[in-house]
Amino acid sequence: MQSFFNPYDVGSSFFDLLRQNRPDLLPQVQLKIEGAPRTESRELMDTPHGTTILALKYRDGVVIAGDRQATEGFQISSRRIEKVFKADDHSAIAIAGVAGPCIEMAKLFEVELAHYEKLEGMPLSLEGKANKLSQMVKANLPLAIQGLVVIPIFVGYDLRRGEGKIFKYDLTGGRYEETEYYATGSGGKEARSAMKKLYRPDMAEDDAIGVALEALIDAAEEDVGTGGPDFVRGIFPTIKLVVTAGLHGVSETRVREACRAIVDLRASVQRNAGAEGETQAEKVQ
C-alpha cells in the first residue's frame, strides 16, 4: 500500500522533504566498485565537466555569466552546455564542476525556492536563499570526495537593500559573499585576473557585459577547458542580469556583437604592434 506524507512534517524545505521521504530522487552516484581495477575507477571519473563561470556587480545589479564548453578528460564533450540557470525572479545560479550533478543541483534549487514560497506564502530573503544553497552543497560532500564536485556561484538582487549580491561556495558548503566580482572553474584564475584590471563598481550595463566577456575570452585563451566565442558555429557565452526589475538574459545578438567588438579590437592592436615592430626593425637596419 502506498504511503502518503505531509510536506509540513519537514517544514518548507523541498530538499529536506526528498531527503526524508524519497532519498532515491536526490543526486547520488556510487563510484566504488568492489574488486574493480584502478583503470575502471578512473574511467568512471571521465564525466563531462563544466568549466568557467563568473559574476560581477555593477551600477544597477549583478552580471552572471559562463562559457558553453564542457570537457571529458582531454576532449570536448559538449560545446553548447548551459551553466547559468534561473533560481527565481530575482536570483540566478551558475555551476562549475561535474556537469550532471551540477545541473541537477541547479534545477533542484529552483524547485526548492518555489516550494518554499508556495508553502510560506512569501519568498525567502536573499540571505536565506544563499543559506539553502549552502546546505545543498554541503549535502553533496560525499559525492565531491569521490570526484563529483559541484561548485556554484549564486547571485541575487536584495530588494530590501536595493543592491545586487554575489555568493561563492566551497566543497563543504561554506558560503562567502564577494563585494565586487568572482570567477571559478578551470579558467577562474585567468578570469579573475582580467576582471581585476577592468572592474569598476560604477560601471553601466554595457560596460559590465563587456568586462564579463573580456574575462571569459582571456580565460579561453589560457585554459584549454574554457570555450571562447565561436563565430563559425554561432556559440557564445551565456550572460544574465539581475536587477531591480528581475532576472533577464542578454540576447545572443547582443553578446555576438560585443564579442565581435572585443575580438576586432584585439586583432587591430596585434596588427598595429606588428607594423610598429617592422618599422623599428627597418630603422635599425
Protein backbone atom coordinates (compact mmCIF):
# COMPACT_ATOMS: atom_id res chain seq x y z
CA MET A 1 0.00 0.00 0.00
CA GLN A 2 1.36 3.42 -0.95
CA SER A 3 2.14 5.69 1.97
CA PHE A 4 1.48 9.40 1.79
CA PHE A 5 3.45 12.05 3.59
CA ASN A 6 2.63 15.51 4.76
CA PRO A 7 5.04 18.16 3.38
CA TYR A 8 4.56 20.20 6.54
CA ASP A 9 6.18 17.43 8.60
CA VAL A 10 9.61 18.62 7.43
CA GLY A 11 8.85 22.32 7.17
CA SER A 12 9.02 24.28 3.93
CA SER A 13 12.20 22.73 2.50
CA PHE A 14 11.63 20.60 -0.61
CA PHE A 15 15.20 19.31 -0.33
CA ASP A 16 14.59 18.05 3.21
CA LEU A 17 11.28 16.57 2.07
CA LEU A 18 13.05 14.47 -0.56
CA ARG A 19 15.89 13.55 1.77
CA GLN A 20 13.47 12.22 4.40
CA ASN A 21 10.88 10.52 2.18
CA ARG A 22 12.45 9.84 -1.24
CA PRO A 23 16.26 9.93 -0.92
CA ASP A 24 16.43 7.91 -4.14
CA LEU A 25 15.40 11.04 -6.06
CA LEU A 26 18.40 13.05 -4.85
CA PRO A 27 21.62 13.17 -6.91
CA GLN A 28 23.66 10.12 -5.96
CA VAL A 29 26.33 8.11 -7.75
CA GLN A 30 28.30 5.16 -6.44
CA LEU A 31 31.80 5.18 -7.86
CA LYS A 32 33.29 2.45 -5.69
CA ILE A 33 33.15 -0.97 -7.30
CA GLU A 34 34.37 -3.83 -5.16
CA GLY A 35 37.27 -5.60 -6.83
CA ALA A 36 37.35 -3.20 -9.80
CA PRO A 37 40.81 -2.38 -11.17
CA ARG A 38 42.06 1.18 -10.78
CA THR A 39 41.72 1.72 -14.54
CA GLU A 40 37.94 1.12 -14.37
CA SER A 41 37.56 3.54 -11.49
CA ARG A 42 39.49 6.13 -13.46
CA GLU A 43 37.19 5.67 -16.48
CA LEU A 44 34.18 6.39 -14.28
CA MET A 45 35.76 9.72 -13.44
CA ASP A 46 35.79 10.77 -17.11
CA THR A 47 32.47 12.57 -16.82
CA PRO A 48 31.61 15.89 -18.51
CA HIS A 49 32.91 18.89 -16.59
CA GLY A 50 31.58 22.42 -16.84
CA THR A 51 34.36 24.95 -16.67
CA THR A 52 34.48 28.74 -16.22
CA ILE A 53 31.75 30.84 -14.58
CA LEU A 54 31.87 34.36 -13.16
CA ALA A 55 29.82 37.16 -11.64
CA LEU A 56 30.40 40.87 -11.10
CA LYS A 57 28.47 43.72 -9.55
CA TYR A 58 27.76 46.92 -11.47
CA ARG A 59 25.76 50.09 -11.03
CA ASP A 60 22.30 48.54 -11.48
CA GLY A 61 22.76 45.00 -10.23
CA VAL A 62 24.78 41.87 -10.99
CA VAL A 63 26.05 40.17 -14.15
CA ILE A 64 26.43 36.37 -14.06
CA ALA A 65 28.00 34.52 -16.98
CA GLY A 66 29.59 31.29 -18.14
CA ASP A 67 31.19 29.79 -21.19
CA ARG A 68 29.40 27.00 -23.10
CA GLN A 69 32.03 24.25 -23.21
CA ALA A 70 32.17 21.03 -21.21
CA THR A 71 35.18 18.72 -21.26
CA GLU A 72 35.52 14.99 -20.73
CA GLY A 73 39.11 14.15 -19.92
CA PHE A 74 41.18 15.63 -22.75
CA GLN A 75 38.31 16.00 -25.20
CA ILE A 76 35.30 18.29 -25.61
CA SER A 77 32.08 16.57 -24.57
CA SER A 78 29.74 19.49 -25.34
CA ARG A 79 30.09 22.90 -26.95
CA ARG A 80 26.61 24.15 -26.02
CA ILE A 81 26.12 23.26 -22.36
CA GLU A 82 24.24 25.76 -20.20
CA LYS A 83 25.94 26.77 -16.96
CA VAL A 84 23.78 29.72 -15.86
CA PHE A 85 20.28 28.98 -14.55
CA LYS A 86 17.36 30.93 -13.14
CA ALA A 87 16.80 30.33 -9.42
CA ASP A 88 13.77 32.62 -9.10
CA ASP A 89 12.64 36.02 -10.36
CA HIS A 90 15.48 37.90 -8.63
CA SER A 91 18.33 35.38 -8.44
CA ALA A 92 20.42 33.03 -10.58
CA ILE A 93 22.94 30.24 -10.13
CA ALA A 94 25.96 29.31 -12.25
CA ILE A 95 27.63 25.92 -11.93
CA ALA A 96 31.16 24.57 -12.37
CA GLY A 97 32.28 21.01 -11.80
CA VAL A 98 30.86 17.68 -12.97
CA ALA A 99 28.04 18.58 -15.32
CA GLY A 100 25.41 16.01 -14.29
CA PRO A 101 25.27 16.72 -10.54
CA CYS A 102 25.74 20.45 -11.22
CA ILE A 103 22.68 20.69 -13.46
CA GLU A 104 20.62 18.52 -11.09
CA MET A 105 21.51 20.78 -8.16
CA ALA A 106 20.65 23.94 -10.12
CA LYS A 107 17.22 22.57 -11.07
CA LEU A 108 16.56 21.22 -7.58
CA PHE A 109 17.47 24.59 -6.10
CA GLU A 110 14.91 26.32 -8.33
CA VAL A 111 12.22 23.87 -7.15
CA GLU A 112 13.36 24.37 -3.54
CA LEU A 113 12.75 28.12 -3.72
CA ALA A 114 9.38 27.74 -5.47
CA HIS A 115 8.30 25.11 -2.92
CA TYR A 116 9.19 27.37 0.00
CA GLU A 117 7.28 30.31 -1.49
CA LYS A 118 4.14 28.22 -2.09
CA LEU A 119 4.10 26.84 1.46
CA GLU A 120 5.07 30.02 3.28
CA GLY A 121 3.22 32.49 1.05
CA MET A 122 6.31 34.65 0.63
CA PRO A 123 9.76 34.26 -0.94
CA LEU A 124 12.90 33.61 1.04
CA SER A 125 15.20 36.53 1.73
CA LEU A 126 18.35 36.64 -0.38
CA GLU A 127 20.41 35.54 2.63
CA GLY A 128 18.02 32.67 3.17
CA LYS A 129 18.39 31.55 -0.45
CA ALA A 130 22.18 31.63 -0.14
CA ASN A 131 21.96 29.55 3.04
CA LYS A 132 19.66 27.00 1.36
CA LEU A 133 22.16 26.52 -1.44
CA SER A 134 24.93 26.15 1.14
CA GLN A 135 23.03 23.25 2.73
CA MET A 136 22.67 21.55 -0.67
CA VAL A 137 26.37 21.91 -1.47
CA LYS A 138 27.23 20.50 1.96
CA ALA A 139 24.93 17.51 1.35
CA ASN A 140 26.89 16.81 -1.85
CA LEU A 141 30.18 16.47 0.06
CA PRO A 142 30.26 12.63 -0.03
CA LEU A 143 29.98 12.75 -3.83
CA ALA A 144 32.53 15.57 -4.02
CA ILE A 145 35.04 13.41 -2.13
CA GLN A 146 34.53 10.75 -4.81
CA GLY A 147 35.24 13.32 -7.53
CA LEU A 148 31.74 14.57 -8.40
CA VAL A 149 32.45 18.18 -7.48
CA VAL A 150 29.78 20.89 -7.62
CA ILE A 151 30.93 24.50 -7.15
CA PRO A 152 28.23 27.14 -7.72
CA ILE A 153 28.12 30.91 -7.80
CA PHE A 154 24.85 32.40 -6.57
CA VAL A 155 23.75 35.95 -7.29
CA GLY A 156 20.63 37.89 -6.47
CA TYR A 157 19.15 41.33 -6.08
CA ASP A 158 18.37 42.28 -2.50
CA LEU A 159 15.14 44.27 -2.79
CA ARG A 160 15.34 45.34 0.85
CA ARG A 161 18.77 46.93 0.46
CA GLY A 162 18.48 47.84 -3.20
CA GLU A 163 21.71 46.14 -4.32
CA GLY A 164 22.99 43.05 -6.07
CA LYS A 165 24.98 40.42 -4.17
CA ILE A 166 27.40 37.62 -5.08
CA PHE A 167 27.92 34.44 -3.05
CA LYS A 168 30.62 31.82 -3.60
CA TYR A 169 30.91 28.36 -2.02
CA ASP A 170 33.50 25.73 -1.17
CA LEU A 171 33.17 21.92 -1.22
CA THR A 172 32.00 21.75 2.40
CA GLY A 173 29.11 24.16 1.83
CA GLY A 174 30.96 27.16 3.20
CA ARG A 175 29.30 30.36 1.96
CA TYR A 176 31.17 33.60 1.37
CA GLU A 177 29.98 36.92 -0.01
CA GLU A 178 32.03 38.77 -2.64
CA THR A 179 31.63 42.53 -2.78
CA GLU A 180 32.86 43.15 -6.34
CA TYR A 181 33.46 40.14 -8.59
CA TYR A 182 34.34 36.45 -8.59
CA ALA A 183 35.12 33.63 -11.02
CA THR A 184 35.70 29.91 -10.57
CA GLY A 185 36.21 26.80 -12.65
CA SER A 186 39.23 25.73 -14.65
CA GLY A 187 39.67 29.23 -16.10
CA GLY A 188 38.65 31.07 -12.95
CA LYS A 189 42.12 32.41 -12.16
CA GLU A 190 42.54 33.96 -15.62
CA ALA A 191 39.02 35.42 -15.50
CA ARG A 192 39.64 36.99 -12.09
CA SER A 193 42.91 38.49 -13.33
CA ALA A 194 41.09 40.10 -16.26
CA MET A 195 38.32 41.50 -14.06
CA LYS A 196 40.86 42.82 -11.57
CA LYS A 197 42.27 45.10 -14.27
CA LEU A 198 38.98 46.17 -15.85
CA TYR A 199 36.49 46.23 -12.98
CA ARG A 200 34.86 49.47 -11.74
CA PRO A 201 31.98 49.41 -9.24
CA ASP A 202 30.05 52.19 -11.03
CA MET A 203 30.02 50.53 -14.46
CA ALA A 204 26.99 50.84 -16.71
CA GLU A 205 25.30 47.71 -18.05
CA ASP A 206 27.11 47.62 -21.41
CA ASP A 207 30.48 48.08 -19.72
CA ALA A 208 29.75 45.30 -17.21
CA ILE A 209 28.78 42.90 -20.00
CA GLY A 210 31.98 43.86 -21.83
CA VAL A 211 34.14 43.12 -18.77
CA ALA A 212 32.46 39.73 -18.29
CA LEU A 213 33.13 38.81 -21.93
CA GLU A 214 36.72 40.08 -21.78
CA ALA A 215 37.30 37.85 -18.75
CA LEU A 216 35.80 34.77 -20.42
CA ILE A 217 37.80 35.36 -23.61
CA ASP A 218 41.01 35.75 -21.57
CA ALA A 219 40.19 32.51 -19.76
CA ALA A 220 39.58 30.72 -23.08
CA GLU A 221 42.95 31.88 -24.41
CA GLU A 222 44.85 30.44 -21.43
CA ASP A 223 42.70 27.50 -20.32
CA VAL A 224 42.05 24.54 -22.64
CA GLY A 225 38.84 23.69 -20.78
CA THR A 226 37.16 27.04 -21.42
CA GLY A 227 35.38 27.74 -24.69
CA GLY A 228 35.64 31.17 -26.27
CA PRO A 229 33.15 32.76 -28.71
CA ASP A 230 32.68 30.55 -31.77
CA PHE A 231 31.59 32.69 -34.73
CA VAL A 232 31.55 29.71 -37.10
CA ARG A 233 29.09 27.61 -35.06
CA GLY A 234 27.33 30.60 -33.53
CA ILE A 235 28.15 29.66 -29.94
CA PHE A 236 28.63 32.45 -27.41
CA PRO A 237 28.80 32.76 -23.60
CA THR A 238 25.60 32.83 -21.58
CA ILE A 239 25.01 36.10 -19.73
CA LYS A 240 22.17 37.02 -17.37
CA LEU A 241 21.47 40.24 -15.49
CA VAL A 242 19.85 40.50 -12.06
CA VAL A 243 18.40 43.97 -11.42
CA THR A 244 15.52 45.60 -9.54
CA ALA A 245 13.03 44.59 -12.23
CA GLY A 246 14.13 40.97 -12.00
CA LEU A 247 16.26 38.43 -13.86
CA HIS A 248 16.66 38.59 -17.62
CA GLY A 249 19.04 37.16 -20.16
CA VAL A 250 21.21 39.08 -22.59
CA SER A 251 20.25 38.25 -26.17
CA GLU A 252 22.61 36.19 -28.33
CA THR A 253 22.71 39.01 -30.89
CA ARG A 254 23.93 41.46 -28.27
CA VAL A 255 26.52 39.01 -26.96
CA ARG A 256 27.72 38.28 -30.50
CA GLU A 257 28.18 41.98 -31.29
CA ALA A 258 30.06 42.57 -28.03
CA CYS A 259 32.33 39.58 -28.67
CA ARG A 260 32.99 40.76 -32.22
CA ALA A 261 33.97 44.22 -30.97
CA ILE A 262 36.41 42.72 -28.44
CA VAL A 263 37.99 40.32 -30.93
CA ASP A 264 38.29 43.02 -33.63
CA LEU A 265 39.92 45.42 -31.18
CA ARG A 266 42.44 42.80 -30.09
CA ALA A 267 43.21 41.93 -33.72
CA SER A 268 43.72 45.62 -34.51
CA VAL A 269 46.11 46.02 -31.58
CA GLN A 270 48.08 42.98 -32.75
CA ARG A 271 48.31 44.31 -36.31
CA ASN A 272 49.44 47.73 -35.11
CA ALA A 273 52.02 46.16 -32.81
CA GLY A 274 53.32 44.04 -35.69
CA ALA A 275 53.53 47.03 -38.03
CA GLU A 276 55.35 49.07 -35.38
CA GLY A 277 57.79 46.22 -34.82
CA GLU A 278 58.56 46.03 -38.54
CA THR A 279 59.12 49.80 -38.65
CA GLN A 280 61.54 49.64 -35.73
CA ALA A 281 63.39 46.77 -37.37
CA GLU A 282 63.75 48.76 -40.61
CA LYS A 283 65.15 51.74 -38.69
CA VAL A 284 67.72 49.52 -37.01
CA GLN A 285 68.83 48.16 -40.38
